[in-house]
Amino acid sequence: MARYPRVECPVCEEHYAGVPTRRTGMVSVHDHKRTPRALVLCEGSMSQVPVRDAIGWQDELPEPGTGEAPDVLTLF
């Protein structure tokens, strides 16, 4: 599984996922809004920042359907 960096937005200084780019050692800040209900993205969305500035790393989520099947529950 791949590990993805968490990076700081250079504009709003919040932490978001880093999206891999073609440039070595750089990631793009994931699209985000300044306020949750706004229709306008933050100016720092998709700006490229160095991976060395990552504040943490997150594991990739597993694919649905991998692993054991859940037990079937009977209600009555």
Protein backbone atom coordinates (compact mmCIF):
# COMPACT_ATOMS: atom_id res chain seq x y z
CA MET A 1 0.00 0.00 0.00
CA ALA A 2 1.11 3.53 -0.69
CA ARG A 3 1.50 6.13 2.03
CA TYR A 4 0.32 9.68 1.37
CA PRO A 5 1.72 12.82 3.03
CA ARG A 6 -0.32 15.39 4.97
CA VAL A 7 0.88 18.89 4.09
CA GLU A 8 0.06 22.43 5.18
CA CYS A 9 -1.76 24.76 2.80
CA PRO A 10 0.47 27.81 2.18
CA VAL A 11 -2.56 30.16 2.23
CA CYS A 12 -4.90 29.05 5.03
CA GLU A 13 -2.29 27.01 6.99
CA GLU A 14 -4.63 24.02 7.48
CA HIS A 15 -3.48 20.42 6.91
CA TYR A 16 -4.67 18.49 3.87
CA ALA A 17 -3.70 15.45 1.84
CA GLY A 18 -0.79 15.77 -0.56
CA VAL A 19 -1.61 14.58 -4.08
CA PRO A 20 1.31 13.04 -6.02
CA THR A 21 2.57 15.05 -9.00
CA ARG A 22 5.01 14.40 -11.83
CA ARG A 23 7.65 16.56 -10.15
CA THR A 24 10.02 14.61 -7.95
CA GLY A 25 9.86 15.62 -4.30
CA MET A 26 6.70 17.72 -4.71
CA VAL A 27 3.02 17.15 -3.94
CA SER A 28 -0.08 19.24 -4.63
CA VAL A 29 -2.33 20.37 -1.81
CA HIS A 30 -5.72 18.67 -2.20
CA ASP A 31 -8.66 20.87 -3.28
CA HIS A 32 -10.36 22.46 -0.28
CA LYS A 33 -12.56 25.39 0.66
CA ARG A 34 -11.82 28.06 3.25
CA THR A 35 -15.28 27.71 4.74
CA PRO A 36 -17.18 24.40 4.48
CA ARG A 37 -20.29 25.81 2.76
CA ALA A 38 -18.49 28.16 0.37
CA LEU A 39 -18.56 27.55 -3.36
CA VAL A 40 -15.09 29.01 -3.88
CA LEU A 41 -11.91 27.00 -3.37
CA CYS A 42 -9.04 28.27 -1.23
CA GLU A 43 -6.31 29.99 -3.27
CA GLY A 44 -3.83 27.41 -1.95
CA SER A 45 -5.71 24.47 -3.49
CA MET A 46 -3.54 22.48 -5.89
CA SER A 47 -0.44 24.56 -5.13
CA GLN A 48 2.73 22.47 -5.08
CA VAL A 49 4.72 22.09 -1.88
CA PRO A 50 7.81 19.98 -1.09
CA VAL A 51 7.24 16.55 0.45
CA ARG A 52 9.89 17.31 3.08
CA ASP A 53 7.37 19.74 4.67
CA ALA A 54 4.92 16.88 5.36
CA ILE A 55 3.57 16.93 8.91
CA GLY A 56 2.54 13.27 8.84
CA TRP A 57 1.72 10.30 6.64
CA GLN A 58 -1.55 8.46 6.16
CA ASP A 59 -2.02 4.93 4.88
CA GLU A 60 -4.08 4.25 1.80
CA LEU A 61 -7.57 3.01 2.58
CA PRO A 62 -8.13 -0.67 1.74
CA GLU A 63 -10.24 -1.54 -1.27
CA PRO A 64 -13.83 -2.44 -0.43
CA GLY A 65 -14.46 -6.14 -0.61
CA THR A 66 -10.96 -7.15 0.41
CA GLY A 67 -10.69 -9.12 3.59
CA GLU A 68 -13.18 -11.37 5.27
CA ALA A 69 -16.90 -11.16 4.63
CA PRO A 70 -18.87 -9.81 7.60
CA ASP A 71 -21.11 -12.19 9.52
CA VAL A 72 -24.76 -12.07 8.52
CA LEU A 73 -26.92 -10.75 11.33
CA THR A 74 -30.43 -12.05 11.85
CA LEU A 75 -32.85 -9.54 13.27
CA PHE A 76 -35.67 -11.90 14.28
